[in-house]
Amino acid sequence: MKPPAYIFIGLLESGKTTFIKEVIADPNFTLDEKTLLIRCEDGIEEYDEEFLEKYNIVLVDVEDEDELTTAALKKAHEAEKPDRVVIEFNGMWDLGHFVDEVMPNCWELYQIVASVCGPTFELYSNNLGPKMFEHITSADLIVFNRCTQKDKDYLHQRNIRAMNPRATIFLDDVDGNSEDYRDNMVMPFDLDADEIDIRDEDFGLWYVDASSEPQKYDGKTVRFKAHVLVTPQLPKGWIVPGRHGMVCCADDIQFLGFACNAGDRFPNIENKGWYTLTAHIHVEELPQYKGAGPVLDLVDIQPAEPPQEEVVYFN
């Protein structure tokens, strides 16, 4: 059985080491397992010998990205035979290359955790946007730490969930209190209405919410305006209504849409046309979703003029 590998990412002084120590010290995480800890950068916080011995940790330092090779990691694995692997990744190194090309196949990637300093998030986003975007979009779990109320308000205003709808996001304050990012998100439409009417400017919020919590929309009827894709790559009778969205910067504009079964009742739908659609939603597992997601069953579709702002923004 392959040991699980946990990758902790974040920029310098984002709190990675502190967070890793808290996780390892949690009795729900650690019993008597042997942990191979790969440290790729030195921060302010250290791992002292007492901590390493207490939690049965073998620490391996990697000071240069060129040293982080498959052969070197396999050698460490064979020497220590760990029960699990924790990688404190350097925030400026190429995470995608490491995951796809370097990480040995004797480990099973279990989770990527991003640690972000709440008070410096705006500064780093402005100066290191692509790198910060990579961290957030790659992570399964994102923890914003040291947050003030002002930081929390800003993070909600930015709608961080738009960058990664599938991730679990927590906001931690300076006292160690933690809140789920979703708790204070208020949707600008009525989920209890017979027909949920999604305004043009709210499409992005609805897309993120439905992607994150599809069960909320199971059995609901929605009405919205969308750019509709009809291509030979789709099964007959299926379309993808959606909008182009920019979640961080102009370089990351992407098409955001849901699978929609139009059946044979609507044969004249034009590819890339603008339409107002009414559809029922059910939750189904599809390969495109990599799990369960909202699937639309088309009820009605009418030609429409493009919205005043064709690209969706999330803040």
C-alpha atoms as a PDB file:
ATOM      1  CA  MET A   1       0.000   0.000   0.000  1.00  0.00           C
ATOM      2  CA  LYS A   2       1.396   3.404  -0.988  1.00  0.00           C
ATOM      3  CA  PRO A   3       1.881   5.950   1.814  1.00  0.00           C
ATOM      4  CA  PRO A   4      -0.252   9.103   1.438  1.00  0.00           C
ATOM      5  CA  ALA A   5       1.577  12.306   0.526  1.00  0.00           C
ATOM      6  CA  TYR A   6       0.458  15.717   1.772  1.00  0.00           C
ATOM      7  CA  ILE A   7       1.832  18.815   0.039  1.00  0.00           C
ATOM      8  CA  PHE A   8       1.767  22.097   1.970  1.00  0.00           C
ATOM      9  CA  ILE A   9       2.190  25.156  -0.235  1.00  0.00           C
ATOM     10  CA  GLY A  10       2.404  28.863   0.484  1.00  0.00           C
ATOM     11  CA  LEU A  11       4.696  31.834   0.114  1.00  0.00           C
ATOM     12  CA  LEU A  12       7.423  32.578   2.639  1.00  0.00           C
ATOM     13  CA  GLU A  13       6.034  33.442   6.096  1.00  0.00           C
ATOM     14  CA  SER A  14       2.574  32.214   5.140  1.00  0.00           C
ATOM     15  CA  GLY A  15       2.502  29.995   8.215  1.00  0.00           C
ATOM     16  CA  LYS A  16       3.245  26.625   6.568  1.00  0.00           C
ATOM     17  CA  THR A  17       5.580  25.309   9.279  1.00  0.00           C
ATOM     18  CA  THR A  18       3.282  26.336  12.118  1.00  0.00           C
ATOM     19  CA  PHE A  19       0.321  24.740  10.362  1.00  0.00           C
ATOM     20  CA  ILE A  20       2.224  21.505   9.660  1.00  0.00           C
ATOM     21  CA  LYS A  21       3.267  21.258  13.316  1.00  0.00           C
ATOM     22  CA  GLU A  22      -0.322  21.768  14.444  1.00  0.00           C
ATOM     23  CA  VAL A  23      -1.572  19.076  12.055  1.00  0.00           C
ATOM     24  CA  ILE A  24       1.082  16.539  13.068  1.00  0.00           C
ATOM     25  CA  ALA A  25       0.467  17.220  16.773  1.00  0.00           C
ATOM     26  CA  ASP A  26      -3.267  16.560  16.353  1.00  0.00           C
ATOM     27  CA  PRO A  27      -4.031  13.125  17.861  1.00  0.00           C
ATOM     28  CA  ASN A  28      -6.701  12.624  15.199  1.00  0.00           C
ATOM     29  CA  PHE A  29      -3.939  12.798  12.579  1.00  0.00           C
ATOM     30  CA  THR A  30      -0.978  11.185  14.300  1.00  0.00           C
ATOM     31  CA  LEU A  31      -0.790   7.957  16.285  1.00  0.00           C
ATOM     32  CA  ASP A  32       2.432   5.985  15.898  1.00  0.00           C
ATOM     33  CA  GLU A  33       3.023   6.517  12.183  1.00  0.00           C
ATOM     34  CA  LYS A  34       6.435   7.337  10.813  1.00  0.00           C
ATOM     35  CA  THR A  35       6.438  10.600   8.855  1.00  0.00           C
ATOM     36  CA  LEU A  36       8.953  11.538   6.192  1.00  0.00           C
ATOM     37  CA  LEU A  37       9.025  15.352   6.175  1.00  0.00           C
ATOM     38  CA  ILE A  38      10.553  16.973   3.084  1.00  0.00           C
ATOM     39  CA  ARG A  39      11.369  20.613   3.879  1.00  0.00           C
ATOM     40  CA  CYS A  40      12.046  22.791   0.821  1.00  0.00           C
ATOM     41  CA  GLU A  41      12.646  26.132   2.533  1.00  0.00           C
ATOM     42  CA  ASP A  42      13.620  27.519   5.929  1.00  0.00           C
ATOM     43  CA  GLY A  43      11.168  29.865   7.578  1.00  0.00           C
ATOM     44  CA  ILE A  44      11.027  31.660  10.907  1.00  0.00           C
ATOM     45  CA  GLU A  45       9.461  28.638  12.621  1.00  0.00           C
ATOM     46  CA  GLU A  46      11.683  25.570  13.108  1.00  0.00           C
ATOM     47  CA  TYR A  47      11.276  21.860  13.838  1.00  0.00           C
ATOM     48  CA  ASP A  48      13.290  21.144  16.976  1.00  0.00           C
ATOM     49  CA  GLU A  49      14.721  17.734  17.809  1.00  0.00           C
ATOM     50  CA  GLU A  50      12.248  17.150  20.617  1.00  0.00           C
ATOM     51  CA  PHE A  51       9.303  17.661  18.251  1.00  0.00           C
ATOM     52  CA  LEU A  52      10.787  15.394  15.575  1.00  0.00           C
ATOM     53  CA  GLU A  53      11.486  12.621  18.061  1.00  0.00           C
ATOM     54  CA  LYS A  54       8.128  12.901  19.818  1.00  0.00           C
ATOM     55  CA  TYR A  55       6.145  12.456  16.602  1.00  0.00           C
ATOM     56  CA  ASN A  56       8.473   9.965  14.874  1.00  0.00           C
ATOM     57  CA  ILE A  57       9.466  12.336  12.061  1.00  0.00           C
ATOM     58  CA  VAL A  58      12.453  12.018   9.745  1.00  0.00           C
ATOM     59  CA  LEU A  59      13.358  15.464   8.362  1.00  0.00           C
ATOM     60  CA  VAL A  60      15.006  15.787   4.944  1.00  0.00           C
ATOM     61  CA  ASP A  61      16.094  19.238   3.784  1.00  0.00           C
ATOM     62  CA  VAL A  62      16.099  20.189   0.090  1.00  0.00           C
ATOM     63  CA  GLU A  63      17.715  23.575  -0.445  1.00  0.00           C
ATOM     64  CA  ASP A  64      17.599  23.856  -4.239  1.00  0.00           C
ATOM     65  CA  GLU A  65      14.852  22.984  -6.710  1.00  0.00           C
ATOM     66  CA  ASP A  66      17.351  21.036  -8.819  1.00  0.00           C
ATOM     67  CA  GLU A  67      17.908  18.725  -5.849  1.00  0.00           C
ATOM     68  CA  LEU A  68      14.229  17.832  -5.695  1.00  0.00           C
ATOM     69  CA  THR A  69      14.402  14.862  -8.043  1.00  0.00           C
ATOM     70  CA  THR A  70      12.468  11.622  -8.323  1.00  0.00           C
ATOM     71  CA  ALA A  71      15.625   9.627  -7.663  1.00  0.00           C
ATOM     72  CA  ALA A  72      16.422  11.557  -4.474  1.00  0.00           C
ATOM     73  CA  LEU A  73      12.875  11.152  -3.147  1.00  0.00           C
ATOM     74  CA  LYS A  74      12.813   7.432  -3.940  1.00  0.00           C
ATOM     75  CA  LYS A  75      16.113   7.036  -2.102  1.00  0.00           C
ATOM     76  CA  ALA A  76      14.668   8.735   0.971  1.00  0.00           C
ATOM     77  CA  HIS A  77      11.555   6.564   0.731  1.00  0.00           C
ATOM     78  CA  GLU A  78      13.534   3.333   0.511  1.00  0.00           C
ATOM     79  CA  ALA A  79      15.802   4.343   3.398  1.00  0.00           C
ATOM     80  CA  GLU A  80      13.007   5.369   5.784  1.00  0.00           C
ATOM     81  CA  LYS A  81       9.966   3.357   4.621  1.00  0.00           C
ATOM     82  CA  PRO A  82       7.551   6.000   5.961  1.00  0.00           C
ATOM     83  CA  ASP A  83       3.888   5.512   6.738  1.00  0.00           C
ATOM     84  CA  ARG A  84       3.177   8.921   5.228  1.00  0.00           C
ATOM     85  CA  VAL A  85       4.968  11.828   3.568  1.00  0.00           C
ATOM     86  CA  VAL A  86       4.613  15.536   4.297  1.00  0.00           C
ATOM     87  CA  ILE A  87       6.177  17.998   1.854  1.00  0.00           C
ATOM     88  CA  GLU A  88       6.708  21.606   2.891  1.00  0.00           C
ATOM     89  CA  PHE A  89       6.986  22.959  -0.641  1.00  0.00           C
ATOM     90  CA  ASN A  90       8.807  26.140  -1.580  1.00  0.00           C
ATOM     91  CA  GLY A  91       6.139  28.627  -2.639  1.00  0.00           C
ATOM     92  CA  MET A  92       8.203  29.956  -5.554  1.00  0.00           C
ATOM     93  CA  TRP A  93       8.947  26.550  -7.107  1.00  0.00           C
ATOM     94  CA  ASP A  94       6.894  24.935  -9.890  1.00  0.00           C
ATOM     95  CA  LEU A  95       4.185  22.934  -8.127  1.00  0.00           C
ATOM     96  CA  GLY A  96       2.623  21.550 -11.308  1.00  0.00           C
ATOM     97  CA  HIS A  97       5.958  20.187 -12.530  1.00  0.00           C
ATOM     98  CA  PHE A  98       6.616  18.569  -9.151  1.00  0.00           C
ATOM     99  CA  VAL A  99       3.217  16.855  -9.002  1.00  0.00           C
ATOM    100  CA  ASP A 100       3.203  15.718 -12.638  1.00  0.00           C
ATOM    101  CA  GLU A 101       6.869  14.922 -13.258  1.00  0.00           C
ATOM    102  CA  VAL A 102       8.865  14.626 -10.034  1.00  0.00           C
ATOM    103  CA  MET A 103       6.808  13.047  -7.239  1.00  0.00           C
ATOM    104  CA  PRO A 104       7.609   9.312  -7.196  1.00  0.00           C
ATOM    105  CA  ASN A 105       4.858   6.806  -7.967  1.00  0.00           C
ATOM    106  CA  CYS A 106       5.573   4.986  -4.708  1.00  0.00           C
ATOM    107  CA  TRP A 107       3.543   7.739  -2.985  1.00  0.00           C
ATOM    108  CA  GLU A 108      -0.169   8.478  -3.330  1.00  0.00           C
ATOM    109  CA  LEU A 109      -0.975  12.193  -3.502  1.00  0.00           C
ATOM    110  CA  TYR A 110      -3.670  12.597  -0.871  1.00  0.00           C
ATOM    111  CA  GLN A 111      -4.088  16.326  -0.351  1.00  0.00           C
ATOM    112  CA  ILE A 112      -2.640  19.708  -1.300  1.00  0.00           C
ATOM    113  CA  VAL A 113      -2.996  22.298   1.451  1.00  0.00           C
ATOM    114  CA  ALA A 114      -2.435  26.014   0.824  1.00  0.00           C
ATOM    115  CA  SER A 115      -1.503  28.308   3.687  1.00  0.00           C
ATOM    116  CA  VAL A 116      -2.057  32.018   3.056  1.00  0.00           C
ATOM    117  CA  CYS A 117      -1.347  34.984   5.322  1.00  0.00           C
ATOM    118  CA  GLY A 118      -4.588  36.982   5.339  1.00  0.00           C
ATOM    119  CA  PRO A 119      -3.060  40.457   5.931  1.00  0.00           C
ATOM    120  CA  THR A 120      -0.571  40.100   3.026  1.00  0.00           C
ATOM    121  CA  PHE A 121      -2.866  38.361   0.540  1.00  0.00           C
ATOM    122  CA  GLU A 122      -3.780  41.540  -1.353  1.00  0.00           C
ATOM    123  CA  LEU A 123      -0.135  42.643  -1.590  1.00  0.00           C
ATOM    124  CA  TYR A 124       1.078  39.272  -2.855  1.00  0.00           C
ATOM    125  CA  SER A 125      -1.862  38.977  -5.260  1.00  0.00           C
ATOM    126  CA  ASN A 126      -0.935  42.326  -6.820  1.00  0.00           C
ATOM    127  CA  ASN A 127       2.764  41.461  -7.122  1.00  0.00           C
ATOM    128  CA  LEU A 128       2.780  37.668  -7.526  1.00  0.00           C
ATOM    129  CA  GLY A 129      -0.664  37.090  -9.006  1.00  0.00           C
ATOM    130  CA  PRO A 130       0.030  33.978 -11.137  1.00  0.00           C
ATOM    131  CA  LYS A 131       1.907  32.232  -8.335  1.00  0.00           C
ATOM    132  CA  MET A 132      -0.778  33.019  -5.754  1.00  0.00           C
ATOM    133  CA  PHE A 133      -3.432  31.882  -8.244  1.00  0.00           C
ATOM    134  CA  GLU A 134      -1.559  28.582  -8.748  1.00  0.00           C
ATOM    135  CA  HIS A 135      -1.526  27.921  -5.014  1.00  0.00           C
ATOM    136  CA  ILE A 136      -5.230  28.581  -4.553  1.00  0.00           C
ATOM    137  CA  THR A 137      -6.435  26.730  -7.648  1.00  0.00           C
ATOM    138  CA  SER A 138      -4.266  23.669  -6.914  1.00  0.00           C
ATOM    139  CA  ALA A 139      -5.283  23.204  -3.285  1.00  0.00           C
ATOM    140  CA  ASP A 140      -7.881  20.885  -1.800  1.00  0.00           C
ATOM    141  CA  LEU A 141      -7.799  22.832   1.472  1.00  0.00           C
ATOM    142  CA  ILE A 142      -7.008  26.563   1.822  1.00  0.00           C
ATOM    143  CA  VAL A 143      -6.384  28.219   5.184  1.00  0.00           C
ATOM    144  CA  PHE A 144      -6.143  32.003   5.445  1.00  0.00           C
ATOM    145  CA  ASN A 145      -4.454  32.664   8.775  1.00  0.00           C
ATOM    146  CA  ARG A 146      -3.908  35.710  11.029  1.00  0.00           C
ATOM    147  CA  CYS A 147      -7.042  37.331   9.590  1.00  0.00           C
ATOM    148  CA  THR A 148      -8.570  40.499  11.005  1.00  0.00           C
ATOM    149  CA  GLN A 149     -12.228  41.250  10.342  1.00  0.00           C
ATOM    150  CA  LYS A 150     -11.069  43.639   7.613  1.00  0.00           C
ATOM    151  CA  ASP A 151      -9.141  40.805   5.971  1.00  0.00           C
ATOM    152  CA  LYS A 152     -12.189  38.524   6.134  1.00  0.00           C
ATOM    153  CA  ASP A 153     -14.407  41.176   4.566  1.00  0.00           C
ATOM    154  CA  TYR A 154     -11.886  41.670   1.764  1.00  0.00           C
ATOM    155  CA  LEU A 155     -11.610  37.931   1.091  1.00  0.00           C
ATOM    156  CA  HIS A 156     -15.399  37.647   0.840  1.00  0.00           C
ATOM    157  CA  GLN A 157     -15.488  40.680  -1.448  1.00  0.00           C
ATOM    158  CA  ARG A 158     -12.926  39.017  -3.712  1.00  0.00           C
ATOM    159  CA  ASN A 159     -15.039  35.839  -3.719  1.00  0.00           C
ATOM    160  CA  ILE A 160     -12.083  33.513  -3.280  1.00  0.00           C
ATOM    161  CA  ARG A 161     -14.301  30.497  -3.922  1.00  0.00           C
ATOM    162  CA  ALA A 162     -14.477  31.541  -7.570  1.00  0.00           C
ATOM    163  CA  MET A 163     -10.803  30.618  -7.937  1.00  0.00           C
ATOM    164  CA  ASN A 164     -11.406  27.086  -6.661  1.00  0.00           C
ATOM    165  CA  PRO A 165     -15.058  26.094  -6.078  1.00  0.00           C
ATOM    166  CA  ARG A 166     -14.134  22.568  -4.968  1.00  0.00           C
ATOM    167  CA  ALA A 167     -11.690  23.538  -2.201  1.00  0.00           C
ATOM    168  CA  THR A 168     -12.548  23.744   1.469  1.00  0.00           C
ATOM    169  CA  ILE A 169     -11.635  27.235   2.718  1.00  0.00           C
ATOM    170  CA  PHE A 170     -11.165  28.389   6.294  1.00  0.00           C
ATOM    171  CA  LEU A 171     -10.474  31.832   7.711  1.00  0.00           C
ATOM    172  CA  ASP A 172      -8.418  31.753  10.921  1.00  0.00           C
ATOM    173  CA  ASP A 173      -7.991  34.811  13.121  1.00  0.00           C
ATOM    174  CA  VAL A 174      -5.057  35.820  15.332  1.00  0.00           C
ATOM    175  CA  ASP A 175      -6.624  34.027  18.319  1.00  0.00           C
ATOM    176  CA  GLY A 176      -6.808  30.708  16.503  1.00  0.00           C
ATOM    177  CA  ASN A 177     -10.561  30.819  15.903  1.00  0.00           C
ATOM    178  CA  SER A 178     -11.591  29.323  12.590  1.00  0.00           C
ATOM    179  CA  GLU A 179     -14.647  29.862  10.395  1.00  0.00           C
ATOM    180  CA  ASP A 180     -15.800  28.185   7.221  1.00  0.00           C
ATOM    181  CA  TYR A 181     -15.600  30.636   4.317  1.00  0.00           C
ATOM    182  CA  ARG A 182     -19.107  29.648   3.229  1.00  0.00           C
ATOM    183  CA  ASP A 183     -20.758  30.694   6.487  1.00  0.00           C
ATOM    184  CA  ASN A 184     -21.011  34.398   5.619  1.00  0.00           C
ATOM    185  CA  MET A 185     -21.659  34.116   1.891  1.00  0.00           C
ATOM    186  CA  VAL A 186     -25.086  35.568   1.017  1.00  0.00           C
ATOM    187  CA  MET A 187     -26.423  34.717  -2.423  1.00  0.00           C
ATOM    188  CA  PRO A 188     -28.207  37.549  -4.318  1.00  0.00           C
ATOM    189  CA  PHE A 189     -31.043  35.293  -5.467  1.00  0.00           C
ATOM    190  CA  ASP A 190     -33.869  33.408  -3.785  1.00  0.00           C
ATOM    191  CA  LEU A 191     -33.094  29.710  -3.392  1.00  0.00           C
ATOM    192  CA  ASP A 192     -36.661  29.035  -2.244  1.00  0.00           C
ATOM    193  CA  ALA A 193     -38.335  30.539  -5.314  1.00  0.00           C
ATOM    194  CA  ASP A 194     -40.304  28.261  -7.644  1.00  0.00           C
ATOM    195  CA  GLU A 195     -37.952  29.443 -10.382  1.00  0.00           C
ATOM    196  CA  ILE A 196     -34.581  30.849  -9.350  1.00  0.00           C
ATOM    197  CA  ASP A 197     -33.900  33.851 -11.563  1.00  0.00           C
ATOM    198  CA  ILE A 198     -30.151  34.412 -12.048  1.00  0.00           C
ATOM    199  CA  ARG A 199     -29.370  37.974 -13.118  1.00  0.00           C
ATOM    200  CA  ASP A 200     -26.593  38.487 -15.674  1.00  0.00           C
ATOM    201  CA  GLU A 201     -24.283  40.048 -13.073  1.00  0.00           C
ATOM    202  CA  ASP A 202     -24.862  37.148 -10.650  1.00  0.00           C
ATOM    203  CA  PHE A 203     -23.999  34.273 -12.978  1.00  0.00           C
ATOM    204  CA  GLY A 204     -20.487  33.920 -11.547  1.00  0.00           C
ATOM    205  CA  LEU A 205     -21.713  33.704  -7.956  1.00  0.00           C
ATOM    206  CA  TRP A 206     -24.324  31.140  -8.924  1.00  0.00           C
ATOM    207  CA  TYR A 207     -21.786  29.071 -10.880  1.00  0.00           C
ATOM    208  CA  VAL A 208     -19.400  28.954  -7.918  1.00  0.00           C
ATOM    209  CA  ASP A 209     -22.137  28.142  -5.410  1.00  0.00           C
ATOM    210  CA  ALA A 210     -23.674  25.399  -7.546  1.00  0.00           C
ATOM    211  CA  SER A 211     -20.245  23.900  -8.252  1.00  0.00           C
ATOM    212  CA  SER A 212     -19.304  23.935  -4.571  1.00  0.00           C
ATOM    213  CA  GLU A 213     -22.608  22.699  -3.131  1.00  0.00           C
ATOM    214  CA  PRO A 214     -24.596  21.055  -5.935  1.00  0.00           C
ATOM    215  CA  GLN A 215     -26.989  19.377  -3.478  1.00  0.00           C
ATOM    216  CA  LYS A 216     -28.430  22.818  -2.631  1.00  0.00           C
ATOM    217  CA  TYR A 217     -29.780  22.998  -6.184  1.00  0.00           C
ATOM    218  CA  ASP A 218     -30.940  19.404  -6.605  1.00  0.00           C
ATOM    219  CA  GLY A 219     -34.539  19.507  -7.855  1.00  0.00           C
ATOM    220  CA  LYS A 220     -34.506  23.289  -8.376  1.00  0.00           C
ATOM    221  CA  THR A 221     -35.519  25.196 -11.515  1.00  0.00           C
ATOM    222  CA  VAL A 222     -33.284  28.024 -12.720  1.00  0.00           C
ATOM    223  CA  ARG A 223     -33.532  30.684 -15.385  1.00  0.00           C
ATOM    224  CA  PHE A 224     -30.410  32.450 -16.715  1.00  0.00           C
ATOM    225  CA  LYS A 225     -28.739  33.926 -19.792  1.00  0.00           C
ATOM    226  CA  ALA A 226     -25.759  32.074 -21.267  1.00  0.00           C
ATOM    227  CA  HIS A 227     -23.437  31.574 -24.191  1.00  0.00           C
ATOM    228  CA  VAL A 228     -24.231  28.075 -25.450  1.00  0.00           C
ATOM    229  CA  LEU A 229     -21.656  25.624 -26.807  1.00  0.00           C
ATOM    230  CA  VAL A 230     -22.814  22.941 -29.226  1.00  0.00           C
ATOM    231  CA  THR A 231     -19.925  20.848 -30.521  1.00  0.00           C
ATOM    232  CA  PRO A 232     -19.399  17.365 -32.048  1.00  0.00           C
ATOM    233  CA  GLN A 233     -17.407  16.473 -28.933  1.00  0.00           C
ATOM    234  CA  LEU A 234     -20.666  16.461 -26.948  1.00  0.00           C
ATOM    235  CA  PRO A 235     -23.153  13.565 -27.050  1.00  0.00           C
ATOM    236  CA  LYS A 236     -26.171  14.147 -29.255  1.00  0.00           C
ATOM    237  CA  GLY A 237     -28.741  16.343 -27.542  1.00  0.00           C
ATOM    238  CA  TRP A 238     -26.271  17.823 -25.043  1.00  0.00           C
ATOM    239  CA  ILE A 239     -25.117  21.441 -24.796  1.00  0.00           C
ATOM    240  CA  VAL A 240     -22.981  23.460 -22.397  1.00  0.00           C
ATOM    241  CA  PRO A 241     -24.486  26.833 -21.428  1.00  0.00           C
ATOM    242  CA  GLY A 242     -22.110  29.148 -19.591  1.00  0.00           C
ATOM    243  CA  ARG A 243     -20.115  32.365 -19.548  1.00  0.00           C
ATOM    244  CA  HIS A 244     -16.466  33.325 -19.868  1.00  0.00           C
ATOM    245  CA  GLY A 245     -15.134  34.316 -16.469  1.00  0.00           C
ATOM    246  CA  MET A 246     -12.039  36.055 -15.129  1.00  0.00           C
ATOM    247  CA  VAL A 247     -11.254  34.946 -11.590  1.00  0.00           C
ATOM    248  CA  CYS A 248      -7.864  36.551 -10.998  1.00  0.00           C
ATOM    249  CA  CYS A 249      -6.321  38.228 -14.043  1.00  0.00           C
ATOM    250  CA  ALA A 250      -6.804  38.473 -17.809  1.00  0.00           C
ATOM    251  CA  ASP A 251      -4.550  35.451 -18.389  1.00  0.00           C
ATOM    252  CA  ASP A 252      -6.943  33.091 -16.611  1.00  0.00           C
ATOM    253  CA  ILE A 253     -10.193  33.809 -18.507  1.00  0.00           C
ATOM    254  CA  GLN A 254     -11.986  30.487 -18.955  1.00  0.00           C
ATOM    255  CA  PHE A 255     -15.386  29.170 -19.984  1.00  0.00           C
ATOM    256  CA  LEU A 256     -17.584  28.299 -17.006  1.00  0.00           C
ATOM    257  CA  GLY A 257     -20.546  26.120 -17.825  1.00  0.00           C
ATOM    258  CA  PHE A 258     -22.636  23.114 -16.838  1.00  0.00           C
ATOM    259  CA  ALA A 259     -23.631  19.994 -18.750  1.00  0.00           C
ATOM    260  CA  CYS A 260     -27.175  20.361 -20.065  1.00  0.00           C
ATOM    261  CA  ASN A 261     -29.412  17.723 -21.639  1.00  0.00           C
ATOM    262  CA  ALA A 262     -31.492  19.409 -24.331  1.00  0.00           C
ATOM    263  CA  GLY A 263     -32.834  16.123 -25.745  1.00  0.00           C
ATOM    264  CA  ASP A 264     -34.393  16.254 -29.226  1.00  0.00           C
ATOM    265  CA  ARG A 265     -36.956  18.983 -28.442  1.00  0.00           C
ATOM    266  CA  PHE A 266     -34.625  21.863 -29.318  1.00  0.00           C
ATOM    267  CA  PRO A 267     -32.846  20.955 -32.585  1.00  0.00           C
ATOM    268  CA  ASN A 268     -32.022  24.493 -33.772  1.00  0.00           C
ATOM    269  CA  ILE A 269     -29.697  25.704 -31.027  1.00  0.00           C
ATOM    270  CA  GLU A 270     -26.757  27.546 -32.573  1.00  0.00           C
ATOM    271  CA  ASN A 271     -23.221  27.014 -31.364  1.00  0.00           C
ATOM    272  CA  LYS A 272     -21.941  30.067 -29.430  1.00  0.00           C
ATOM    273  CA  GLY A 273     -25.336  31.734 -29.545  1.00  0.00           C
ATOM    274  CA  TRP A 274     -26.742  33.746 -26.654  1.00  0.00           C
ATOM    275  CA  TYR A 275     -29.897  32.324 -25.100  1.00  0.00           C
ATOM    276  CA  THR A 276     -32.095  32.601 -22.041  1.00  0.00           C
ATOM    277  CA  LEU A 277     -32.563  29.109 -20.632  1.00  0.00           C
ATOM    278  CA  THR A 278     -34.924  27.567 -18.133  1.00  0.00           C
ATOM    279  CA  ALA A 279     -33.796  24.224 -16.742  1.00  0.00           C
ATOM    280  CA  HIS A 280     -34.367  21.740 -13.958  1.00  0.00           C
ATOM    281  CA  ILE A 281     -31.267  20.676 -12.025  1.00  0.00           C
ATOM    282  CA  HIS A 282     -30.340  17.248 -10.761  1.00  0.00           C
ATOM    283  CA  VAL A 283     -27.052  16.092  -9.269  1.00  0.00           C
ATOM    284  CA  GLU A 284     -25.094  13.457 -11.134  1.00  0.00           C
ATOM    285  CA  GLU A 285     -21.531  12.182 -11.269  1.00  0.00           C
ATOM    286  CA  LEU A 286     -19.865  13.003 -14.580  1.00  0.00           C
ATOM    287  CA  PRO A 287     -16.227  12.603 -15.663  1.00  0.00           C
ATOM    288  CA  GLN A 288     -16.143  16.308 -16.566  1.00  0.00           C
ATOM    289  CA  TYR A 289     -16.961  17.191 -12.954  1.00  0.00           C
ATOM    290  CA  LYS A 290     -14.559  14.647 -11.462  1.00  0.00           C
ATOM    291  CA  GLY A 291     -17.382  13.741  -9.126  1.00  0.00           C
ATOM    292  CA  ALA A 292     -20.940  14.851  -8.499  1.00  0.00           C
ATOM    293  CA  GLY A 293     -22.134  18.105 -10.023  1.00  0.00           C
ATOM    294  CA  PRO A 294     -25.213  19.936 -11.280  1.00  0.00           C
ATOM    295  CA  VAL A 295     -26.677  18.597 -14.517  1.00  0.00           C
ATOM    296  CA  LEU A 296     -29.302  20.693 -16.279  1.00  0.00           C
ATOM    297  CA  ASP A 297     -32.393  19.291 -18.000  1.00  0.00           C
ATOM    298  CA  LEU A 298     -33.564  21.913 -20.484  1.00  0.00           C
ATOM    299  CA  VAL A 299     -37.173  23.065 -20.167  1.00  0.00           C
ATOM    300  CA  ASP A 300     -37.137  26.145 -22.419  1.00  0.00           C
ATOM    301  CA  ILE A 301     -34.653  28.150 -24.462  1.00  0.00           C
ATOM    302  CA  GLN A 302     -35.111  31.502 -26.194  1.00  0.00           C
ATOM    303  CA  PRO A 303     -32.672  33.623 -28.252  1.00  0.00           C
ATOM    304  CA  ALA A 304     -31.314  36.586 -26.285  1.00  0.00           C
ATOM    305  CA  GLU A 305     -29.101  39.623 -26.669  1.00  0.00           C
ATOM    306  CA  PRO A 306     -25.626  39.371 -25.076  1.00  0.00           C
ATOM    307  CA  PRO A 307     -25.389  40.822 -21.573  1.00  0.00           C
ATOM    308  CA  GLN A 308     -23.956  44.305 -21.203  1.00  0.00           C
ATOM    309  CA  GLU A 309     -20.775  42.764 -19.755  1.00  0.00           C
ATOM    310  CA  GLU A 310     -20.047  39.462 -21.502  1.00  0.00           C
ATOM    311  CA  VAL A 311     -17.143  38.431 -19.244  1.00  0.00           C
ATOM    312  CA  VAL A 312     -18.054  37.409 -15.697  1.00  0.00           C
ATOM    313  CA  TYR A 313     -16.153  38.941 -12.780  1.00  0.00           C
ATOM    314  CA  PHE A 314     -16.346  37.639  -9.236  1.00  0.00           C
ATOM    315  CA  ASN A 315     -15.833  40.647  -6.974  1.00  0.00           C
END
